[in-house]
PDB file of N, CA and C in Angstrom:
ATOM      1  N   MET A   1       0.156  35.481 -14.889  1.00  0.00           N
ATOM      2  CA  MET A   1       0.213  35.342 -15.880  1.00  0.00           C
ATOM      3  C   MET A   1       1.016  34.296 -16.896  1.00  0.00           C
ATOM      4  N   MET A   2       1.104  33.597 -17.610  1.00  0.00           N
ATOM      5  CA  MET A   2       1.924  32.989 -18.710  1.00  0.00           C
ATOM      6  C   MET A   2       1.788  33.836 -19.492  1.00  0.00           C
ATOM      7  N   THR A   3       2.990  34.037 -20.173  1.00  0.00           N
ATOM      8  CA  THR A   3       3.939  34.283 -21.221  1.00  0.00           C
ATOM      9  C   THR A   3       4.024  33.084 -22.108  1.00  0.00           C
ATOM     10  N   GLN A   4       4.130  33.582 -23.296  1.00  0.00           N
ATOM     11  CA  GLN A   4       4.144  32.208 -24.411  1.00  0.00           C
ATOM     12  C   GLN A   4       5.509  31.754 -24.080  1.00  0.00           C
ATOM     13  N   ASP A   5       6.865  32.100 -23.586  1.00  0.00           N
ATOM     14  CA  ASP A   5       8.049  31.653 -23.038  1.00  0.00           C
ATOM     15  C   ASP A   5       7.907  30.828 -22.274  1.00  0.00           C
ATOM     16  N   SER A   6       6.580  31.121 -21.426  1.00  0.00           N
ATOM     17  CA  SER A   6       6.725  29.855 -20.407  1.00  0.00           C
ATOM     18  C   SER A   6       5.629  29.417 -20.267  1.00  0.00           C
ATOM     19  N   ALA A   7       5.012  28.562 -21.318  1.00  0.00           N
ATOM     20  CA  ALA A   7       3.744  28.138 -21.399  1.00  0.00           C
ATOM     21  C   ALA A   7       4.435  26.625 -21.549  1.00  0.00           C
ATOM     22  N   ILE A   8       3.949  25.382 -20.748  1.00  0.00           N
ATOM     23  CA  ILE A   8       4.664  24.336 -21.148  1.00  0.00           C
ATOM     24  C   ILE A   8       4.051  23.749 -22.673  1.00  0.00           C
ATOM     25  N   LYS A   9       4.956  23.105 -23.340  1.00  0.00           N
ATOM     26  CA  LYS A   9       4.768  23.023 -24.531  1.00  0.00           C
ATOM     27  C   LYS A   9       5.139  21.424 -24.748  1.00  0.00           C
ATOM     28  N   ARG A  10       4.789  20.443 -23.549  1.00  0.00           N
ATOM     29  CA  ARG A  10       4.628  19.045 -23.973  1.00  0.00           C
ATOM     30  C   ARG A  10       3.524  18.535 -23.951  1.00  0.00           C
ATOM     31  N   LYS A  11       3.620  17.860 -25.012  1.00  0.00           N
ATOM     32  CA  LYS A  11       2.055  17.461 -25.435  1.00  0.00           C
ATOM     33  C   LYS A  11       1.563  15.718 -24.810  1.00  0.00           C
ATOM     34  N   ILE A  12       3.001  15.284 -24.013  1.00  0.00           N
ATOM     35  CA  ILE A  12       3.189  13.802 -23.544  1.00  0.00           C
ATOM     36  C   ILE A  12       3.296  13.892 -22.103  1.00  0.00           C
ATOM     37  N   ALA A  13       2.997  13.001 -21.352  1.00  0.00           N
ATOM     38  CA  ALA A  13       3.386  12.708 -19.382  1.00  0.00           C
ATOM     39  C   ALA A  13       4.602  13.041 -19.759  1.00  0.00           C
ATOM     40  N   PRO A  14       5.156  13.847 -18.321  1.00  0.00           N
ATOM     41  CA  PRO A  14       6.534  13.671 -17.936  1.00  0.00           C
ATOM     42  C   PRO A  14       6.757  12.287 -18.162  1.00  0.00           C
ATOM     43  N   GLY A  15       8.048  12.499 -18.352  1.00  0.00           N
ATOM     44  CA  GLY A  15       9.088  11.223 -18.511  1.00  0.00           C
ATOM     45  C   GLY A  15       8.892   9.979 -17.273  1.00  0.00           C
ATOM     46  N   LYS A  16       9.556   9.654 -16.929  1.00  0.00           N
ATOM     47  CA  LYS A  16       9.762   8.117 -16.199  1.00  0.00           C
ATOM     48  C   LYS A  16       7.803   8.119 -15.650  1.00  0.00           C
ATOM     49  N   THR A  17       7.922   9.197 -14.177  1.00  0.00           N
ATOM     50  CA  THR A  17       6.739   9.219 -13.707  1.00  0.00           C
ATOM     51  C   THR A  17       5.924   9.061 -14.460  1.00  0.00           C
ATOM     52  N   GLY A  18       5.064   9.605 -15.572  1.00  0.00           N
ATOM     53  CA  GLY A  18       4.560   9.457 -16.630  1.00  0.00           C
ATOM     54  C   GLY A  18       4.086   7.920 -17.214  1.00  0.00           C
ATOM     55  N   GLY A  19       5.403   7.590 -17.564  1.00  0.00           N
ATOM     56  CA  GLY A  19       5.329   6.485 -18.405  1.00  0.00           C
ATOM     57  C   GLY A  19       5.339   5.416 -17.356  1.00  0.00           C
ATOM     58  N   LEU A  20       5.247   5.239 -16.098  1.00  0.00           N
ATOM     59  CA  LEU A  20       5.142   4.192 -14.927  1.00  0.00           C
ATOM     60  C   LEU A  20       3.465   4.155 -14.687  1.00  0.00           C
ATOM     61  N   ILE A  21       3.279   5.672 -14.179  1.00  0.00           N
ATOM     62  CA  ILE A  21       1.793   5.416 -14.237  1.00  0.00           C
ATOM     63  C   ILE A  21       0.683   4.977 -15.314  1.00  0.00           C
ATOM     64  N   GLU A  22       1.083   5.566 -16.777  1.00  0.00           N
ATOM     65  CA  GLU A  22       0.430   5.228 -17.808  1.00  0.00           C
ATOM     66  C   GLU A  22       0.518   3.269 -17.846  1.00  0.00           C
ATOM     67  N   SER A  23       1.611   2.934 -17.600  1.00  0.00           N
ATOM     68  CA  SER A  23       1.647   1.265 -18.232  1.00  0.00           C
ATOM     69  C   SER A  23       0.909   0.641 -16.932  1.00  0.00           C
ATOM     70  N   ILE A  24       0.980   1.104 -15.722  1.00  0.00           N
ATOM     71  CA  ILE A  24       0.667   0.362 -14.456  1.00  0.00           C
ATOM     72  C   ILE A  24      -1.218   0.841 -14.708  1.00  0.00           C
ATOM     73  N   PHE A  25      -1.332   2.275 -15.116  1.00  0.00           N
ATOM     74  CA  PHE A  25      -2.919   2.317 -14.897  1.00  0.00           C
ATOM     75  C   PHE A  25      -3.568   1.660 -16.573  1.00  0.00           C
ATOM     76  N   ARG A  26      -2.705   1.245 -17.151  1.00  0.00           N
ATOM     77  CA  ARG A  26      -3.308   1.385 -18.586  1.00  0.00           C
ATOM     78  C   ARG A  26      -4.642   0.281 -18.837  1.00  0.00           C
ATOM     79  N   CYS A  27      -4.448  -0.646 -17.985  1.00  0.00           N
ATOM     80  CA  CYS A  27      -5.194  -2.022 -17.328  1.00  0.00           C
ATOM     81  C   CYS A  27      -6.371  -1.124 -16.403  1.00  0.00           C
ATOM     82  N   LYS A  28      -7.571  -1.189 -16.807  1.00  0.00           N
ATOM     83  CA  LYS A  28      -8.786  -0.784 -15.944  1.00  0.00           C
ATOM     84  C   LYS A  28      -8.922  -1.336 -14.410  1.00  0.00           C
ATOM     85  N   TRP A  29      -8.551  -2.413 -14.560  1.00  0.00           N
ATOM     86  CA  TRP A  29      -8.452  -3.348 -13.364  1.00  0.00           C
ATOM     87  C   TRP A  29      -7.321  -3.125 -12.390  1.00  0.00           C
ATOM     88  N   SER A  30      -6.495  -2.192 -12.667  1.00  0.00           N
ATOM     89  CA  SER A  30      -5.733  -2.074 -11.778  1.00  0.00           C
ATOM     90  C   SER A  30      -5.542  -1.465 -10.373  1.00  0.00           C
ATOM     91  N   LEU A  31      -6.585  -0.367 -10.271  1.00  0.00           N
ATOM     92  CA  LEU A  31      -6.710   0.130  -8.965  1.00  0.00           C
ATOM     93  C   LEU A  31      -7.436  -1.029  -8.019  1.00  0.00           C
ATOM     94  N   THR A  32      -8.425  -1.739  -9.102  1.00  0.00           N
ATOM     95  CA  THR A  32      -9.690  -2.763  -8.388  1.00  0.00           C
ATOM     96  C   THR A  32      -8.333  -4.021  -7.649  1.00  0.00           C
ATOM     97  N   VAL A  33      -7.713  -4.548  -8.896  1.00  0.00           N
ATOM     98  CA  VAL A  33      -6.893  -5.399  -7.847  1.00  0.00           C
ATOM     99  C   VAL A  33      -5.915  -4.936  -6.769  1.00  0.00           C
ATOM    100  N   LEU A  34      -5.232  -3.408  -6.579  1.00  0.00           N
ATOM    101  CA  LEU A  34      -4.464  -2.959  -5.673  1.00  0.00           C
ATOM    102  C   LEU A  34      -5.599  -2.725  -4.431  1.00  0.00           C
ATOM    103  N   ASP A  35      -6.579  -2.483  -4.454  1.00  0.00           N
ATOM    104  CA  ASP A  35      -7.834  -2.272  -3.951  1.00  0.00           C
ATOM    105  C   ASP A  35      -8.120  -3.854  -2.883  1.00  0.00           C
ATOM    106  N   LEU A  36      -8.034  -4.706  -4.204  1.00  0.00           N
ATOM    107  CA  LEU A  36      -8.489  -5.937  -3.472  1.00  0.00           C
ATOM    108  C   LEU A  36      -7.305  -6.570  -2.526  1.00  0.00           C
ATOM    109  N   ILE A  37      -6.264  -6.553  -2.756  1.00  0.00           N
ATOM    110  CA  ILE A  37      -4.906  -6.681  -1.665  1.00  0.00           C
ATOM    111  C   ILE A  37      -4.791  -6.227  -0.522  1.00  0.00           C
ATOM    112  N   THR A  38      -4.864  -4.603  -0.651  1.00  0.00           N
ATOM    113  CA  THR A  38      -5.253  -4.241   0.449  1.00  0.00           C
ATOM    114  C   THR A  38      -5.848  -4.502   1.422  1.00  0.00           C
ATOM    115  N   ASN A  39      -7.214  -5.210   0.764  1.00  0.00           N
ATOM    116  CA  ASN A  39      -8.332  -5.483   2.018  1.00  0.00           C
ATOM    117  C   ASN A  39      -8.092  -7.034   2.177  1.00  0.00           C
ATOM    118  N   ASP A  40      -6.857  -7.169   1.893  1.00  0.00           N
ATOM    119  CA  ASP A  40      -6.309  -9.026   2.060  1.00  0.00           C
ATOM    120  C   ASP A  40      -6.945  -9.951   1.373  1.00  0.00           C
ATOM    121  N   ILE A  41      -7.459  -9.791   0.167  1.00  0.00           N
ATOM    122  CA  ILE A  41      -7.573 -10.747  -0.950  1.00  0.00           C
ATOM    123  C   ILE A  41      -6.541 -10.806  -1.863  1.00  0.00           C
ATOM    124  N   LYS A  42      -5.714 -12.106  -1.805  1.00  0.00           N
ATOM    125  CA  LYS A  42      -4.308 -11.701  -2.072  1.00  0.00           C
ATOM    126  C   LYS A  42      -4.172 -13.025  -3.195  1.00  0.00           C
ATOM    127  N   ARG A  43      -5.105 -14.029  -3.122  1.00  0.00           N
ATOM    128  CA  ARG A  43      -5.005 -14.961  -4.085  1.00  0.00           C
ATOM    129  C   ARG A  43      -5.923 -14.834  -5.395  1.00  0.00           C
ATOM    130  N   PRO A  44      -5.654 -14.845  -6.434  1.00  0.00           N
ATOM    131  CA  PRO A  44      -6.219 -14.770  -7.838  1.00  0.00           C
ATOM    132  C   PRO A  44      -7.424 -15.461  -8.578  1.00  0.00           C
ATOM    133  N   GLY A  45      -7.468 -16.640  -7.472  1.00  0.00           N
ATOM    134  CA  GLY A  45      -8.893 -17.209  -7.750  1.00  0.00           C
ATOM    135  C   GLY A  45     -10.031 -16.402  -6.890  1.00  0.00           C
ATOM    136  N   GLU A  46      -9.459 -15.978  -5.899  1.00  0.00           N
ATOM    137  CA  GLU A  46     -10.393 -15.303  -4.742  1.00  0.00           C
ATOM    138  C   GLU A  46     -10.911 -13.830  -5.572  1.00  0.00           C
ATOM    139  N   MET A  47     -10.116 -13.155  -5.925  1.00  0.00           N
ATOM    140  CA  MET A  47     -10.047 -12.104  -6.969  1.00  0.00           C
ATOM    141  C   MET A  47     -11.319 -12.299  -7.850  1.00  0.00           C
ATOM    142  N   VAL A  48     -11.120 -13.352  -9.113  1.00  0.00           N
ATOM    143  CA  VAL A  48     -11.896 -13.303  -9.979  1.00  0.00           C
ATOM    144  C   VAL A  48     -13.265 -13.237  -9.246  1.00  0.00           C
ATOM    145  N   ARG A  49     -13.375 -14.274  -8.115  1.00  0.00           N
ATOM    146  CA  ARG A  49     -14.973 -14.485  -7.776  1.00  0.00           C
ATOM    147  C   ARG A  49     -15.838 -13.382  -7.143  1.00  0.00           C
ATOM    148  N   THR A  50     -14.603 -12.481  -6.374  1.00  0.00           N
ATOM    149  CA  THR A  50     -15.305 -11.170  -5.868  1.00  0.00           C
ATOM    150  C   THR A  50     -15.305 -10.420  -6.614  1.00  0.00           C
ATOM    151  N   VAL A  51     -14.825  -9.955  -8.107  1.00  0.00           N
ATOM    152  CA  VAL A  51     -15.228  -8.692  -8.551  1.00  0.00           C
ATOM    153  C   VAL A  51     -15.698  -8.898 -10.100  1.00  0.00           C
ATOM    154  N   GLU A  52     -17.148  -9.254 -10.385  1.00  0.00           N
ATOM    155  CA  GLU A  52     -17.691  -9.309 -11.436  1.00  0.00           C
ATOM    156  C   GLU A  52     -16.960  -8.444 -12.475  1.00  0.00           C
ATOM    157  N   GLY A  53     -17.007  -9.167 -13.344  1.00  0.00           N
ATOM    158  CA  GLY A  53     -16.433  -9.044 -15.049  1.00  0.00           C
ATOM    159  C   GLY A  53     -14.929  -8.699 -15.101  1.00  0.00           C
ATOM    160  N   LEU A  54     -14.444  -9.173 -13.866  1.00  0.00           N
ATOM    161  CA  LEU A  54     -12.797  -9.769 -14.163  1.00  0.00           C
ATOM    162  C   LEU A  54     -12.776 -11.055 -14.113  1.00  0.00           C
ATOM    163  N   SER A  55     -11.961 -11.296 -15.378  1.00  0.00           N
ATOM    164  CA  SER A  55     -11.761 -12.396 -16.219  1.00  0.00           C
ATOM    165  C   SER A  55     -10.115 -12.800 -15.513  1.00  0.00           C
ATOM    166  N   THR A  56      -9.825 -14.083 -15.504  1.00  0.00           N
ATOM    167  CA  THR A  56      -8.374 -14.758 -15.049  1.00  0.00           C
ATOM    168  C   THR A  56      -7.303 -14.039 -16.002  1.00  0.00           C
ATOM    169  N   LYS A  57      -7.463 -14.063 -17.554  1.00  0.00           N
ATOM    170  CA  LYS A  57      -6.986 -13.417 -18.241  1.00  0.00           C
ATOM    171  C   LYS A  57      -6.215 -12.139 -18.569  1.00  0.00           C
ATOM    172  N   VAL A  58      -7.035 -11.411 -17.899  1.00  0.00           N
ATOM    173  CA  VAL A  58      -6.732  -9.743 -17.622  1.00  0.00           C
ATOM    174  C   VAL A  58      -6.469  -9.234 -15.658  1.00  0.00           C
ATOM    175  N   LEU A  59      -6.636 -10.152 -15.583  1.00  0.00           N
ATOM    176  CA  LEU A  59      -6.282 -10.302 -13.793  1.00  0.00           C
ATOM    177  C   LEU A  59      -4.555 -10.662 -13.814  1.00  0.00           C
ATOM    178  N   ASN A  60      -4.322 -12.188 -14.511  1.00  0.00           N
ATOM    179  CA  ASN A  60      -3.326 -12.110 -14.690  1.00  0.00           C
ATOM    180  C   ASN A  60      -1.958 -11.185 -15.418  1.00  0.00           C
ATOM    181  N   ASP A  61      -2.721 -10.696 -16.727  1.00  0.00           N
ATOM    182  CA  ASP A  61      -1.824  -9.447 -17.125  1.00  0.00           C
ATOM    183  C   ASP A  61      -1.411  -8.519 -16.215  1.00  0.00           C
ATOM    184  N   CYS A  62      -2.632  -8.395 -15.671  1.00  0.00           N
ATOM    185  CA  CYS A  62      -2.479  -6.880 -14.463  1.00  0.00           C
ATOM    186  C   CYS A  62      -1.599  -7.412 -13.309  1.00  0.00           C
ATOM    187  N   LEU A  63      -1.566  -8.809 -12.530  1.00  0.00           N
ATOM    188  CA  LEU A  63      -0.520  -8.969 -11.569  1.00  0.00           C
ATOM    189  C   LEU A  63       0.757  -9.014 -12.267  1.00  0.00           C
ATOM    190  N   ARG A  64       0.820  -9.293 -13.556  1.00  0.00           N
ATOM    191  CA  ARG A  64       1.983  -9.678 -14.029  1.00  0.00           C
ATOM    192  C   ARG A  64       2.563  -8.185 -14.220  1.00  0.00           C
ATOM    193  N   THR A  65       2.076  -7.036 -14.666  1.00  0.00           N
ATOM    194  CA  THR A  65       2.678  -5.861 -15.037  1.00  0.00           C
ATOM    195  C   THR A  65       2.802  -5.147 -13.355  1.00  0.00           C
ATOM    196  N   ASN A  66       2.162  -5.467 -12.483  1.00  0.00           N
ATOM    197  CA  ASN A  66       2.251  -4.910 -11.182  1.00  0.00           C
ATOM    198  C   ASN A  66       3.755  -5.176 -10.673  1.00  0.00           C
ATOM    199  N   VAL A  67       3.860  -6.687 -10.682  1.00  0.00           N
ATOM    200  CA  VAL A  67       5.212  -7.346 -10.193  1.00  0.00           C
ATOM    201  C   VAL A  67       6.333  -6.895 -11.144  1.00  0.00           C
ATOM    202  N   LYS A  68       5.926  -6.791 -12.337  1.00  0.00           N
ATOM    203  CA  LYS A  68       7.396  -6.286 -13.510  1.00  0.00           C
ATOM    204  C   LYS A  68       7.834  -5.022 -12.558  1.00  0.00           C
ATOM    205  N   PHE A  69       6.696  -3.895 -12.224  1.00  0.00           N
ATOM    206  CA  PHE A  69       7.013  -2.753 -11.960  1.00  0.00           C
ATOM    207  C   PHE A  69       7.461  -3.021 -10.168  1.00  0.00           C
ATOM    208  N   GLY A  70       7.691  -4.227  -9.682  1.00  0.00           N
ATOM    209  CA  GLY A  70       8.252  -3.812  -8.334  1.00  0.00           C
ATOM    210  C   GLY A  70       6.836  -3.683  -7.559  1.00  0.00           C
ATOM    211  N   ILE A  71       5.573  -3.571  -7.837  1.00  0.00           N
ATOM    212  CA  ILE A  71       4.869  -3.275  -6.688  1.00  0.00           C
ATOM    213  C   ILE A  71       4.054  -4.350  -5.899  1.00  0.00           C
ATOM    214  N   LEU A  72       4.265  -5.448  -6.524  1.00  0.00           N
ATOM    215  CA  LEU A  72       3.456  -6.932  -6.192  1.00  0.00           C
ATOM    216  C   LEU A  72       4.692  -7.303  -5.688  1.00  0.00           C
ATOM    217  N   GLU A  73       4.785  -8.607  -5.232  1.00  0.00           N
ATOM    218  CA  GLU A  73       5.546 -10.002  -5.152  1.00  0.00           C
ATOM    219  C   GLU A  73       4.410 -11.040  -5.036  1.00  0.00           C
ATOM    220  N   LYS A  74       4.810 -11.832  -5.839  1.00  0.00           N
ATOM    221  CA  LYS A  74       4.344 -13.259  -6.153  1.00  0.00           C
ATOM    222  C   LYS A  74       4.792 -14.532  -4.988  1.00  0.00           C
ATOM    223  N   GLN A  75       3.838 -14.857  -4.211  1.00  0.00           N
ATOM    224  CA  GLN A  75       4.561 -15.615  -3.195  1.00  0.00           C
ATOM    225  C   GLN A  75       3.951 -17.148  -4.181  1.00  0.00           C
ATOM    226  N   SER A  76       4.445 -18.397  -4.562  1.00  0.00           N
ATOM    227  CA  SER A  76       4.344 -19.577  -4.729  1.00  0.00           C
ATOM    228  C   SER A  76       4.171 -20.696  -3.528  1.00  0.00           C
ATOM    229  N   PHE A  77       3.196 -21.140  -3.092  1.00  0.00           N
ATOM    230  CA  PHE A  77       3.103 -22.050  -1.793  1.00  0.00           C
ATOM    231  C   PHE A  77       3.394 -23.881  -2.816  1.00  0.00           C
ATOM    232  N   ALA A  78       4.486 -24.559  -2.076  1.00  0.00           N
ATOM    233  CA  ALA A  78       4.587 -26.050  -2.557  1.00  0.00           C
ATOM    234  C   ALA A  78       3.541 -26.968  -2.011  1.00  0.00           C
ATOM    235  N   GLU A  79       2.178 -26.682  -2.686  1.00  0.00           N
ATOM    236  CA  GLU A  79       1.427 -27.478  -1.970  1.00  0.00           C
ATOM    237  C   GLU A  79       0.356 -27.901  -3.304  1.00  0.00           C
ATOM    238  N   ILE A  80      -0.348 -29.200  -2.973  1.00  0.00           N
ATOM    239  CA  ILE A  80      -1.165 -29.468  -3.895  1.00  0.00           C
ATOM    240  C   ILE A  80      -2.603 -29.788  -3.429  1.00  0.00           C
ATOM    241  N   PRO A  81      -3.374 -28.501  -4.150  1.00  0.00           N
ATOM    242  CA  PRO A  81      -3.250 -27.856  -5.510  1.00  0.00           C
ATOM    243  C   PRO A  81      -2.773 -26.441  -5.043  1.00  0.00           C
ATOM    244  N   PRO A  82      -1.654 -25.963  -6.264  1.00  0.00           N
ATOM    245  CA  PRO A  82      -0.911 -25.219  -6.147  1.00  0.00           C
ATOM    246  C   PRO A  82      -1.527 -24.108  -5.524  1.00  0.00           C
ATOM    247  N   ARG A  83      -0.783 -23.291  -4.870  1.00  0.00           N
ATOM    248  CA  ARG A  83      -1.215 -22.157  -4.194  1.00  0.00           C
ATOM    249  C   ARG A  83      -0.393 -20.834  -4.700  1.00  0.00           C
ATOM    250  N   VAL A  84      -1.406 -19.632  -4.805  1.00  0.00           N
ATOM    251  CA  VAL A  84      -0.359 -18.469  -5.223  1.00  0.00           C
ATOM    252  C   VAL A  84      -1.006 -17.173  -4.643  1.00  0.00           C
ATOM    253  N   GLU A  85      -0.209 -16.587  -3.888  1.00  0.00           N
ATOM    254  CA  GLU A  85      -0.431 -15.353  -3.090  1.00  0.00           C
ATOM    255  C   GLU A  85       0.511 -13.752  -3.472  1.00  0.00           C
ATOM    256  N   TYR A  86      -0.340 -12.829  -3.446  1.00  0.00           N
ATOM    257  CA  TYR A  86       0.583 -11.228  -3.991  1.00  0.00           C
ATOM    258  C   TYR A  86       0.212 -10.460  -2.853  1.00  0.00           C
ATOM    259  N   HIS A  87       1.479 -10.389  -2.825  1.00  0.00           N
ATOM    260  CA  HIS A  87       1.872  -8.946  -1.907  1.00  0.00           C
ATOM    261  C   HIS A  87       2.228  -7.721  -1.958  1.00  0.00           C
ATOM    262  N   PHE A  88       2.119  -6.728  -1.502  1.00  0.00           N
ATOM    263  CA  PHE A  88       2.735  -5.740  -1.436  1.00  0.00           C
ATOM    264  C   PHE A  88       4.411  -5.934  -1.514  1.00  0.00           C
ATOM    265  N   THR A  89       5.381  -5.406  -2.137  1.00  0.00           N
ATOM    266  CA  THR A  89       6.532  -5.034  -1.592  1.00  0.00           C
ATOM    267  C   THR A  89       6.412  -3.637  -1.297  1.00  0.00           C
ATOM    268  N   GLU A  90       7.927  -3.399  -0.305  1.00  0.00           N
ATOM    269  CA  GLU A  90       7.707  -1.935   0.440  1.00  0.00           C
ATOM    270  C   GLU A  90       7.728  -0.761  -0.746  1.00  0.00           C
ATOM    271  N   TYR A  91       8.082  -0.821  -2.110  1.00  0.00           N
ATOM    272  CA  TYR A  91       7.809  -0.051  -2.514  1.00  0.00           C
ATOM    273  C   TYR A  91       6.426   0.025  -3.010  1.00  0.00           C
ATOM    274  N   GLY A  92       5.752  -1.149  -3.241  1.00  0.00           N
ATOM    275  CA  GLY A  92       4.347  -1.572  -3.604  1.00  0.00           C
ATOM    276  C   GLY A  92       3.432  -0.607  -2.387  1.00  0.00           C
ATOM    277  N   GLN A  93       3.980  -0.886  -1.247  1.00  0.00           N
ATOM    278  CA  GLN A  93       2.888  -0.240   0.124  1.00  0.00           C
ATOM    279  C   GLN A  93       3.351   1.411  -0.151  1.00  0.00           C
ATOM    280  N   ARG A  94       4.376   1.768  -0.633  1.00  0.00           N
ATOM    281  CA  ARG A  94       4.383   3.401  -0.818  1.00  0.00           C
ATOM    282  C   ARG A  94       3.597   4.061  -1.951  1.00  0.00           C
ATOM    283  N   PHE A  95       3.790   3.322  -2.821  1.00  0.00           N
ATOM    284  CA  PHE A  95       2.904   3.469  -4.164  1.00  0.00           C
ATOM    285  C   PHE A  95       1.501   3.631  -3.618  1.00  0.00           C
ATOM    286  N   VAL A  96       0.938   2.425  -2.730  1.00  0.00           N
ATOM    287  CA  VAL A  96      -0.514   1.986  -2.710  1.00  0.00           C
ATOM    288  C   VAL A  96      -0.798   3.837  -1.855  1.00  0.00           C
ATOM    289  N   ALA A  97       0.197   3.797  -0.889  1.00  0.00           N
ATOM    290  CA  ALA A  97      -0.320   5.310   0.080  1.00  0.00           C
ATOM    291  C   ALA A  97      -0.661   6.112  -0.592  1.00  0.00           C
ATOM    292  N   ILE A  98       0.227   6.359  -1.857  1.00  0.00           N
ATOM    293  CA  ILE A  98       0.117   7.892  -2.387  1.00  0.00           C
ATOM    294  C   ILE A  98      -1.078   7.766  -3.397  1.00  0.00           C
ATOM    295  N   ILE A  99      -1.489   6.557  -3.616  1.00  0.00           N
ATOM    296  CA  ILE A  99      -3.137   6.292  -4.190  1.00  0.00           C
ATOM    297  C   ILE A  99      -4.200   6.572  -3.776  1.00  0.00           C
ATOM    298  N   GLN A 100      -4.270   6.192  -2.272  1.00  0.00           N
ATOM    299  CA  GLN A 100      -4.947   6.342  -1.130  1.00  0.00           C
ATOM    300  C   GLN A 100      -5.105   8.276  -0.688  1.00  0.00           C
ATOM    301  N   GLN A 101      -3.863   8.687  -0.701  1.00  0.00           N
ATOM    302  CA  GLN A 101      -3.837  10.355  -0.892  1.00  0.00           C
ATOM    303  C   GLN A 101      -4.552  10.874  -1.691  1.00  0.00           C
ATOM    304  N   ILE A 102      -4.254  10.442  -2.773  1.00  0.00           N
ATOM    305  CA  ILE A 102      -4.990  10.961  -4.227  1.00  0.00           C
ATOM    306  C   ILE A 102      -6.676  10.291  -3.683  1.00  0.00           C
ATOM    307  N   GLN A 103      -6.856   9.394  -3.125  1.00  0.00           N
ATOM    308  CA  GLN A 103      -8.355   9.010  -3.410  1.00  0.00           C
ATOM    309  C   GLN A 103      -8.926   9.863  -2.022  1.00  0.00           C
ATOM    310  N   LYS A 104      -8.313  10.085  -1.223  1.00  0.00           N
ATOM    311  CA  LYS A 104      -8.703  11.261  -0.326  1.00  0.00           C
ATOM    312  C   LYS A 104      -9.247  13.058  -0.686  1.00  0.00           C
ATOM    313  N   LEU A 105      -8.080  13.150  -1.808  1.00  0.00           N
ATOM    314  CA  LEU A 105      -7.919  14.310  -2.500  1.00  0.00           C
ATOM    315  C   LEU A 105      -9.550  14.318  -3.359  1.00  0.00           C
ATOM    316  N   GLU A 106      -9.944  13.316  -3.734  1.00  0.00           N
ATOM    317  CA  GLU A 106     -11.050  13.078  -4.552  1.00  0.00           C
ATOM    318  C   GLU A 106     -12.024  13.067  -3.987  1.00  0.00           C
ATOM    319  N   ASP A 107     -12.376  12.944  -2.888  1.00  0.00           N
ATOM    320  CA  ASP A 107     -13.233  12.454  -1.893  1.00  0.00           C
ATOM    321  C   ASP A 107     -13.267  13.764  -1.340  1.00  0.00           C
ATOM    322  N   GLU A 108     -12.118  14.682  -1.063  1.00  0.00           N
ATOM    323  CA  GLU A 108     -12.554  16.208  -0.516  1.00  0.00           C
ATOM    324  C   GLU A 108     -13.189  16.789  -1.585  1.00  0.00           C
ATOM    325  N   MET A 109     -12.768  16.871  -2.877  1.00  0.00           N
ATOM    326  CA  MET A 109     -13.589  17.531  -3.806  1.00  0.00           C
ATOM    327  C   MET A 109     -14.659  17.399  -4.326  1.00  0.00           C
ATOM    328  N   ILE A 110     -15.165  15.924  -4.052  1.00  0.00           N
ATOM    329  CA  ILE A 110     -16.749  15.493  -4.408  1.00  0.00           C
ATOM    330  C   ILE A 110     -17.232  16.199  -2.908  1.00  0.00           C
ATOM    331  N   GLN A 111     -16.937  16.697  -2.165  1.00  0.00           N
ATOM    332  CA  GLN A 111     -17.691  17.811  -1.280  1.00  0.00           C
ATOM    333  C   GLN A 111     -18.159  18.657  -1.265  1.00  0.00           C
ATOM    334  N   LEU A 112     -16.933  19.341  -2.045  1.00  0.00           N
ATOM    335  CA  LEU A 112     -17.524  20.868  -1.893  1.00  0.00           C
ATOM    336  C   LEU A 112     -18.078  21.408  -2.684  1.00  0.00           C
TER     337      LEU A 112
END
């Protein structure tokens, strides 16, 4: 039983963790983009063609945010036409592993 003194009085997400998650997932496409890269779809043009409703502008914003947080790294190739691919950083691989664990929990909840 919770007493009034032990009740959580915070009305915002916990510090750094909450801020990171909110910043990354403010874009509704973040999980989709991470899933595409997990499934070896690494080029922005291919991502836009694969997902109906995903615009180039929104994708670029989402990719930029994930690069900023160190989840993805951008690899540019000196070719004509230019080619860009996105890959998970070591930190990004750990981050996605956590997301996959959350997905497993959600799948288990649905089966209950």
